[in-house]
Amino acid sequence: MVEGVKLRVLAAMSGGVDSAVAAARAVEAGHDVTGVHLALSKNPQTYRTGARGCCTIEDSRDARRAADVIGIPFYVWDMAERFHEDVVEDFYAEYAAGRTPNPCLRCNEKIKFAAVLDRAMALGFDAVATGHYARKGDDGLLRRAVDPAKDQSYVLAVLNPAQLAHSMFPLGDTPKDLVRVEAEERGLAVARKPDSHDICFIADGDTSGFLKNKLGSKEGEIVDAASGEVLGSHDGAHQFTVGQRHGLGLKRPAADGKPRYVLSITPVDNRVEVGPREALRVDRIHTGAPVWLGPERTEPFEAEVQLRAHGEVYPATVVPSPKGLRAELHQGAFGVAAGQALVVYDPDAAEHNDASAGVGDRGDAVLCSGTIDATGLNDAAVSSGSAAGV
């Protein structure tokens, strides 16, 4: 997309402050903008209630009011069936397999930048604008947002180059507090609306109860990984995730008095293994087939990898292949769960940014991403979601 060219833009409006300001900025840039709110549940009250920025009745009303203030046409698109199939059912399936999914990442991949973008392009739109905090560089690469605390490049790294080419992120160059100030100046009632943090389709925030309701209960053992001693029981391995410390229900503390953590989950025999934090350390991570946003590479290269949203960044040697990535971390990471994304950033792809914005020069371009299948330490590769090896 060429800067300065008037485009037909579909602005995805969640009902929160970010998407409202993003839509307003797209209008201000001279584009022909239409707002759309995604109805993700046939019965919104079965999802979270309250003004939290996603999946509630209040949100659709807030989005409509914002569109009226901005002065753009507004529609509601029913994406409930697609959302349930591609995001909610995937969430169930991943936990049942002993993995830990990221539903926001899956929603971006399957809904906001697949189903919505496909429909938008079919209707003659040139791009979809969202309130995500990320930037597109002059080179077309996806880059981190100016506000590191709000950066969402990690959850956008599943986009392919074609989807990225037709996406707009108007907020990537602005800190969140200034976005709220701008919303107030524009007369948008959502200026002080709280951000959404919980999983939108779990109404009460009880993930364990949500999974239990769908996947049922099945008694299994909680075992000490080192000794094989049975320490306790549970009613479903799908209620646990690697790295989990709380909610294990163990009545007897470890001999050294230190906390125990979930080290592995084996769905086949409904077994959960626990041990000390040190046993969570890994320095080798394997993924499935990568999605390349930057130039595809075939030889090992040095990069920085991020293993969870807003998580720590690790220097690593990345070994690519058509079937997956292998990241050799230069330092150990803890609690890395299968099902999460490994996102690779190019430390040499520095782009000069306005120092007054608080960014400066830094390597922040997304090269590729892959879903974590397994982790390892030294030469002993082990799965971080089950007992299966690599």
Protein backbone atom coordinates (compact mmCIF):
# COMPACT_ATOMS: atom_id res chain seq x y z
CA MET A 1 0.00 0.00 0.00
CA VAL A 2 1.39 3.35 -1.04
CA GLU A 3 1.43 6.17 1.51
CA GLY A 4 -0.88 9.04 0.61
CA VAL A 5 -3.16 6.93 -1.59
CA LYS A 6 -6.82 6.90 -0.61
CA LEU A 7 -7.91 3.38 0.24
CA ARG A 8 -11.15 1.63 1.08
CA VAL A 9 -10.50 0.50 4.64
CA LEU A 10 -12.52 -1.84 6.84
CA ALA A 11 -11.91 -0.90 10.48
CA ALA A 12 -12.42 -3.80 12.89
CA MET A 13 -14.04 -2.19 15.95
CA SER A 14 -14.10 -4.31 19.09
CA GLY A 15 -15.81 -1.70 21.23
CA GLY A 16 -12.58 -0.71 22.97
CA VAL A 17 -10.59 2.50 22.90
CA ASP A 18 -7.77 1.19 20.69
CA SER A 19 -9.86 0.12 17.73
CA ALA A 20 -11.97 3.30 17.95
CA VAL A 21 -8.90 5.57 17.74
CA ALA A 22 -7.42 3.38 14.98
CA ALA A 23 -10.59 3.86 12.91
CA ALA A 24 -10.56 7.62 13.56
CA ARG A 25 -6.94 7.86 12.46
CA ALA A 26 -7.69 5.95 9.25
CA VAL A 27 -10.39 8.51 8.46
CA GLU A 28 -8.05 11.37 9.31
CA ALA A 29 -5.46 9.89 6.92
CA GLY A 30 -7.97 10.40 4.11
CA HIS A 31 -9.19 6.84 3.65
CA ASP A 32 -12.76 5.73 2.93
CA VAL A 33 -13.48 3.87 6.17
CA THR A 34 -16.27 1.51 7.18
CA GLY A 35 -16.52 0.14 10.71
CA VAL A 36 -17.41 -3.46 11.50
CA HIS A 37 -17.93 -5.21 14.82
CA LEU A 38 -17.46 -8.98 14.97
CA ALA A 39 -20.22 -10.89 16.76
CA LEU A 40 -18.28 -13.86 18.11
CA SER A 41 -21.04 -15.55 20.07
CA LYS A 42 -24.64 -16.33 19.16
CA ASN A 43 -25.42 -15.55 22.80
CA PRO A 44 -22.96 -12.87 24.00
CA GLN A 45 -24.04 -13.37 27.59
CA THR A 46 -22.40 -16.82 27.52
CA TYR A 47 -19.10 -15.01 27.10
CA ARG A 48 -17.66 -12.44 29.48
CA THR A 49 -20.01 -9.72 30.69
CA GLY A 50 -19.17 -6.15 31.54
CA ALA A 51 -17.39 -3.43 29.61
CA ARG A 52 -14.09 -5.21 29.08
CA GLY A 53 -13.38 -4.64 25.38
CA CYS A 54 -14.31 -7.92 23.70
CA CYS A 55 -17.25 -10.27 23.17
CA THR A 56 -19.97 -8.56 25.20
CA ILE A 57 -23.26 -6.89 24.34
CA GLU A 58 -21.87 -3.62 25.71
CA ASP A 59 -18.96 -3.83 23.30
CA SER A 60 -21.10 -3.90 20.18
CA ARG A 61 -23.01 -0.85 21.46
CA ASP A 62 -19.77 0.96 22.31
CA ALA A 63 -18.41 0.22 18.83
CA ARG A 64 -21.55 1.60 17.20
CA ARG A 65 -21.43 4.79 19.29
CA ALA A 66 -17.76 5.29 18.38
CA ALA A 67 -18.54 4.86 14.68
CA ASP A 68 -21.30 7.47 14.98
CA VAL A 69 -18.90 9.95 16.59
CA ILE A 70 -16.25 9.29 13.95
CA GLY A 71 -18.90 9.58 11.23
CA ILE A 72 -18.44 6.29 9.39
CA PRO A 73 -20.85 3.54 8.28
CA PHE A 74 -21.07 0.67 10.75
CA TYR A 75 -22.05 -2.99 10.47
CA VAL A 76 -22.04 -6.10 12.63
CA TRP A 77 -20.70 -9.30 11.09
CA ASP A 78 -21.72 -12.64 12.54
CA MET A 79 -18.53 -14.66 12.99
CA ALA A 80 -19.84 -16.82 15.84
CA GLU A 81 -19.75 -20.17 14.07
CA ARG A 82 -16.30 -19.61 12.59
CA PHE A 83 -14.96 -18.31 15.91
CA HIS A 84 -16.30 -21.31 17.83
CA GLU A 85 -14.85 -23.78 15.37
CA ASP A 86 -11.44 -22.19 14.81
CA VAL A 87 -10.74 -20.69 18.24
CA VAL A 88 -12.88 -22.25 20.97
CA GLU A 89 -12.80 -25.84 19.68
CA ASP A 90 -9.07 -25.47 18.99
CA PHE A 91 -8.66 -24.33 22.61
CA TYR A 92 -10.36 -27.50 23.85
CA ALA A 93 -8.38 -29.76 21.51
CA GLU A 94 -5.02 -28.27 22.43
CA TYR A 95 -5.58 -28.68 26.18
CA ALA A 96 -6.88 -32.23 25.63
CA ALA A 97 -3.57 -32.96 23.85
CA GLY A 98 -1.54 -31.63 26.77
CA ARG A 99 -0.65 -28.37 25.06
CA THR A 100 -1.21 -24.74 26.07
CA PRO A 101 -2.77 -22.68 23.27
CA ASN A 102 -2.88 -18.92 22.84
CA PRO A 103 -6.47 -18.16 21.75
CA CYS A 104 -5.77 -14.50 20.94
CA LEU A 105 -3.07 -15.56 18.52
CA ARG A 106 -5.41 -18.10 16.95
CA CYS A 107 -8.17 -15.49 16.65
CA ASN A 108 -5.83 -13.16 14.79
CA GLU A 109 -4.77 -15.96 12.47
CA LYS A 110 -8.15 -17.52 11.73
CA ILE A 111 -10.68 -14.73 12.27
CA LYS A 112 -9.40 -11.15 12.11
CA PHE A 113 -6.81 -11.64 9.39
CA ALA A 114 -8.28 -14.60 7.51
CA ALA A 115 -12.07 -14.72 7.58
CA VAL A 116 -12.53 -10.96 7.97
CA LEU A 117 -9.78 -9.98 5.54
CA ASP A 118 -11.02 -12.49 2.95
CA ARG A 119 -14.54 -11.09 3.15
CA ALA A 120 -13.24 -7.51 3.09
CA MET A 121 -11.20 -8.13 -0.05
CA ALA A 122 -14.17 -9.83 -1.72
CA LEU A 123 -16.25 -6.72 -0.99
CA GLY A 124 -13.68 -4.45 -2.61
CA PHE A 125 -11.83 -3.15 0.44
CA ASP A 126 -8.10 -2.57 0.18
CA ALA A 127 -7.13 -3.13 3.79
CA VAL A 128 -8.29 -3.99 7.30
CA ALA A 129 -7.33 -1.62 10.11
CA THR A 130 -7.16 -2.78 13.72
CA GLY A 131 -6.20 -1.32 17.08
CA HIS A 132 -3.25 -3.67 17.54
CA TYR A 133 -0.04 -2.14 18.85
CA ALA A 134 2.45 -2.98 16.11
CA ARG A 135 4.07 -1.22 13.17
CA LYS A 136 4.83 -1.91 9.53
CA GLY A 137 8.23 -0.66 8.46
CA ASP A 138 9.10 0.96 5.16
CA ASP A 139 10.34 -2.48 4.14
CA GLY A 140 6.88 -3.96 4.76
CA LEU A 141 8.05 -6.03 7.72
CA LEU A 142 6.03 -6.35 10.91
CA ARG A 143 7.78 -4.48 13.71
CA ARG A 144 7.34 -3.94 17.42
CA ALA A 145 5.21 -1.06 18.66
CA VAL A 146 6.72 2.06 20.18
CA ASP A 147 5.08 1.21 23.52
CA PRO A 148 6.91 -1.97 24.67
CA ALA A 149 4.34 -2.68 27.38
CA LYS A 150 1.57 -2.86 24.77
CA ASP A 151 3.51 -4.38 21.86
CA GLN A 152 1.42 -7.04 20.08
CA SER A 153 3.79 -8.07 17.32
CA TYR A 154 4.04 -11.49 19.04
CA VAL A 155 0.35 -12.30 18.54
CA LEU A 156 0.43 -10.93 14.98
CA ALA A 157 3.42 -13.02 13.91
CA VAL A 158 1.10 -15.74 12.55
CA LEU A 159 0.12 -13.49 9.65
CA ASN A 160 1.46 -14.38 6.23
CA PRO A 161 2.99 -11.72 3.95
CA ALA A 162 -0.19 -11.33 1.88
CA GLN A 163 -2.29 -10.71 4.99
CA LEU A 164 0.25 -8.29 6.37
CA ALA A 165 0.32 -6.37 3.08
CA HIS A 166 -3.42 -5.63 3.44
CA SER A 167 -3.32 -4.77 7.16
CA MET A 168 -3.05 -1.39 8.88
CA PHE A 169 -1.97 -0.73 12.47
CA PRO A 170 -2.51 3.01 13.05
CA LEU A 171 -1.54 2.92 16.74
CA GLY A 172 1.89 1.34 16.52
CA ASP A 173 3.76 4.63 16.87
CA THR A 174 1.88 5.89 19.96
CA PRO A 175 2.07 4.99 23.68
CA LYS A 176 -1.21 3.74 25.15
CA ASP A 177 -1.68 6.65 27.56
CA LEU A 178 -1.57 9.09 24.64
CA VAL A 179 -4.14 7.01 22.76
CA ARG A 180 -6.55 7.48 25.68
CA VAL A 181 -5.88 11.22 25.70
CA GLU A 182 -6.58 11.35 21.98
CA ALA A 183 -9.81 9.39 22.44
CA GLU A 184 -11.01 11.96 24.97
CA GLU A 185 -10.10 14.81 22.65
CA ARG A 186 -12.08 13.14 19.88
CA GLY A 187 -15.11 12.80 22.15
CA LEU A 188 -15.06 9.01 22.22
CA ALA A 189 -16.90 7.64 25.26
CA VAL A 190 -14.58 4.60 25.40
CA ALA A 191 -11.57 6.75 26.30
CA ARG A 192 -11.37 5.33 29.83
CA LYS A 193 -12.82 1.91 29.15
CA PRO A 194 -10.72 -0.82 30.85
CA ASP A 195 -8.52 -3.03 28.71
CA SER A 196 -9.45 -6.65 28.15
CA HIS A 197 -7.04 -9.15 29.73
CA ASP A 198 -8.92 -12.41 30.23
CA ILE A 199 -9.83 -15.00 27.62
CA CYS A 200 -12.93 -13.49 26.04
CA PHE A 201 -14.98 -16.68 25.76
CA ILE A 202 -14.53 -17.76 29.39
CA ALA A 203 -17.22 -15.73 31.14
CA ASP A 204 -16.00 -16.06 34.74
CA GLY A 205 -12.28 -16.36 34.07
CA ASP A 206 -12.24 -19.95 35.40
CA THR A 207 -10.26 -21.71 32.68
CA SER A 208 -10.04 -24.97 34.63
CA GLY A 209 -13.80 -25.09 35.15
CA PHE A 210 -14.42 -24.18 31.50
CA LEU A 211 -12.27 -27.06 30.32
CA LYS A 212 -13.74 -29.48 32.83
CA ASN A 213 -17.26 -28.67 31.67
CA LYS A 214 -16.35 -29.63 28.10
CA LEU A 215 -13.73 -32.34 28.54
CA GLY A 216 -15.11 -33.92 31.70
CA SER A 217 -13.33 -35.40 34.71
CA LYS A 218 -10.95 -38.34 34.83
CA GLU A 219 -8.86 -39.18 37.86
CA GLY A 220 -5.13 -39.37 37.31
CA GLU A 221 -1.84 -39.27 39.18
CA ILE A 222 0.47 -36.41 40.05
CA VAL A 223 3.95 -37.90 40.11
CA ASP A 224 7.38 -36.72 41.19
CA ALA A 225 9.37 -36.66 37.94
CA ALA A 226 12.66 -37.67 39.57
CA SER A 227 11.57 -40.47 41.90
CA GLY A 228 8.34 -41.65 40.29
CA GLU A 229 6.58 -41.33 43.65
CA VAL A 230 2.86 -40.65 43.46
CA LEU A 231 2.28 -37.38 45.31
CA GLY A 232 -1.42 -36.85 44.71
CA SER A 233 -4.26 -37.08 42.24
CA HIS A 234 -6.25 -34.83 39.93
CA ASP A 235 -9.48 -35.06 37.95
CA GLY A 236 -8.14 -34.17 34.52
CA ALA A 237 -4.65 -33.55 33.10
CA HIS A 238 -6.18 -31.00 30.72
CA GLN A 239 -6.52 -28.64 33.68
CA PHE A 240 -2.74 -28.17 33.93
CA THR A 241 -0.04 -26.41 31.95
CA VAL A 242 3.74 -26.72 31.95
CA GLY A 243 5.28 -24.28 34.43
CA GLN A 244 2.16 -24.16 36.63
CA ARG A 245 2.88 -23.80 40.34
CA HIS A 246 -0.45 -23.10 42.03
CA GLY A 247 -3.51 -25.32 42.14
CA LEU A 248 -1.65 -28.64 42.27
CA GLY A 249 -3.46 -29.72 45.44
CA LEU A 250 -0.40 -31.44 46.95
CA LYS A 251 -0.68 -31.87 50.71
CA ARG A 252 2.96 -32.81 51.33
CA PRO A 253 5.72 -30.28 50.54
CA ALA A 254 8.97 -31.22 48.81
CA ALA A 255 11.80 -32.43 51.04
CA ASP A 256 13.71 -29.17 50.53
CA GLY A 257 10.60 -27.10 51.17
CA LYS A 258 10.72 -25.50 47.71
CA PRO A 259 7.65 -25.24 45.46
CA ARG A 260 6.88 -27.87 42.85
CA TYR A 261 5.99 -27.04 39.24
CA VAL A 262 4.31 -28.96 36.45
CA LEU A 263 7.11 -30.35 34.27
CA SER A 264 5.17 -32.47 31.78
CA ILE A 265 1.67 -33.65 30.92
CA THR A 266 0.89 -37.00 29.32
CA PRO A 267 -2.72 -37.05 28.07
CA VAL A 268 -2.65 -40.74 27.06
CA ASP A 269 -2.36 -41.95 30.66
CA ASN A 270 -3.67 -38.75 32.26
CA ARG A 271 -0.39 -38.25 34.12
CA VAL A 272 1.08 -35.01 35.44
CA GLU A 273 4.75 -34.90 36.46
CA VAL A 274 6.04 -32.25 38.85
CA GLY A 275 9.42 -31.18 40.16
CA PRO A 276 11.61 -28.20 41.10
CA ARG A 277 11.82 -25.03 39.05
CA GLU A 278 15.33 -25.92 37.90
CA ALA A 279 13.87 -28.91 36.04
CA LEU A 280 11.82 -26.52 33.86
CA ARG A 281 14.96 -25.08 32.27
CA VAL A 282 15.33 -25.69 28.53
CA ASP A 283 17.70 -24.31 25.92
CA ARG A 284 16.42 -26.01 22.78
CA ILE A 285 12.99 -25.42 21.27
CA HIS A 286 11.38 -27.12 18.28
CA THR A 287 8.40 -25.84 16.29
CA GLY A 288 6.19 -27.01 13.48
CA ALA A 289 6.32 -25.54 9.96
CA PRO A 290 7.23 -21.84 10.19
CA VAL A 291 5.31 -18.85 8.83
CA TRP A 292 7.79 -16.46 7.22
CA LEU A 293 7.01 -12.74 7.29
CA GLY A 294 10.50 -11.71 6.23
CA PRO A 295 12.77 -13.29 3.62
CA GLU A 296 12.80 -17.07 4.07
CA ARG A 297 16.13 -18.44 5.25
CA THR A 298 17.58 -21.89 4.77
CA GLU A 299 20.81 -21.64 6.78
CA PRO A 300 21.25 -21.22 10.56
CA PHE A 301 21.22 -17.60 11.71
CA GLU A 302 21.46 -15.51 14.87
CA ALA A 303 18.25 -13.93 16.11
CA GLU A 304 16.17 -13.02 19.14
CA VAL A 305 13.19 -15.19 20.05
CA GLN A 306 10.14 -14.50 22.19
CA LEU A 307 8.24 -17.41 23.73
CA ARG A 308 5.10 -15.79 25.14
CA ALA A 309 3.19 -12.54 24.78
CA HIS A 310 5.04 -9.75 26.63
CA GLY A 311 7.61 -12.33 27.67
CA GLU A 312 11.38 -12.15 27.85
CA VAL A 313 13.44 -12.06 24.66
CA TYR A 314 16.26 -14.62 24.27
CA PRO A 315 19.29 -14.49 21.94
CA ALA A 316 19.37 -17.72 19.95
CA THR A 317 20.76 -19.57 16.97
CA VAL A 318 17.81 -20.51 14.76
CA VAL A 319 18.09 -23.53 12.48
CA PRO A 320 15.30 -23.46 9.86
CA SER A 321 13.85 -26.24 7.74
CA PRO A 322 10.60 -26.59 5.76
CA LYS A 323 9.22 -28.80 8.53
CA GLY A 324 10.06 -26.52 11.43
CA LEU A 325 12.47 -24.36 13.38
CA ARG A 326 15.03 -25.33 16.00
CA ALA A 327 16.03 -22.52 18.32
CA GLU A 328 19.20 -23.01 20.35
CA LEU A 329 18.93 -20.49 23.17
CA HIS A 330 22.10 -18.83 24.40
CA GLN A 331 20.63 -18.94 27.91
CA GLY A 332 18.02 -21.15 29.48
CA ALA A 333 14.30 -20.41 29.55
CA PHE A 334 11.80 -21.72 32.07
CA GLY A 335 8.23 -22.98 31.76
CA VAL A 336 8.08 -23.16 27.97
CA ALA A 337 4.85 -24.91 26.98
CA ALA A 338 4.00 -26.71 23.76
CA GLY A 339 1.20 -24.98 21.88
CA GLN A 340 2.61 -21.50 22.45
CA ALA A 341 4.32 -19.57 19.65
CA LEU A 342 8.02 -19.03 19.12
CA VAL A 343 8.45 -15.70 17.35
CA VAL A 344 11.78 -14.84 15.75
CA TYR A 345 12.97 -11.22 15.57
CA ASP A 346 15.86 -10.02 13.44
CA PRO A 347 18.31 -8.16 15.73
CA ASP A 348 20.06 -6.63 12.71
CA ALA A 349 16.92 -5.24 11.04
CA ALA A 350 17.11 -1.94 12.87
CA GLU A 351 14.89 0.84 11.60
CA HIS A 352 15.49 4.43 12.66
CA ASN A 353 12.61 5.78 14.69
CA ASP A 354 11.93 9.21 16.13
CA ALA A 355 13.86 9.33 19.40
CA SER A 356 11.15 11.54 20.88
CA ALA A 357 8.78 8.59 20.59
CA GLY A 358 10.99 6.63 22.96
CA VAL A 359 12.13 3.95 20.53
CA GLY A 360 15.46 4.82 18.94
CA ASP A 361 17.29 2.31 16.74
CA ARG A 362 16.62 -1.33 17.52
CA GLY A 363 16.26 -4.69 15.83
CA ASP A 364 12.56 -5.33 16.09
CA ALA A 365 11.41 -6.86 12.81
CA VAL A 366 9.53 -10.17 12.88
CA LEU A 367 11.17 -12.74 10.63
CA CYS A 368 8.98 -15.78 11.26
CA SER A 369 7.00 -17.74 13.80
CA GLY A 370 6.18 -21.34 14.60
CA THR A 371 4.06 -23.26 17.09
CA ILE A 372 6.18 -24.92 19.77
CA ASP A 373 6.06 -28.72 19.55
CA ALA A 374 8.79 -29.74 21.96
CA THR A 375 11.66 -28.49 24.09
CA GLY A 376 14.95 -29.92 25.20
CA LEU A 377 18.06 -29.47 27.30
CA ASN A 378 21.50 -30.28 25.90
CA ASP A 379 21.11 -33.48 23.86
CA ALA A 380 17.98 -34.77 25.59
CA ALA A 381 14.98 -33.41 23.70
CA VAL A 382 11.71 -33.75 25.57
CA SER A 383 8.23 -32.53 24.82
CA SER A 384 7.00 -29.64 26.93
CA GLY A 385 3.41 -30.80 26.57
CA SER A 386 3.62 -34.56 26.80
CA ALA A 387 6.03 -37.40 27.36
CA ALA A 388 6.66 -37.83 23.65
CA GLY A 389 10.11 -36.92 22.31
CA VAL A 390 11.01 -34.95 19.19
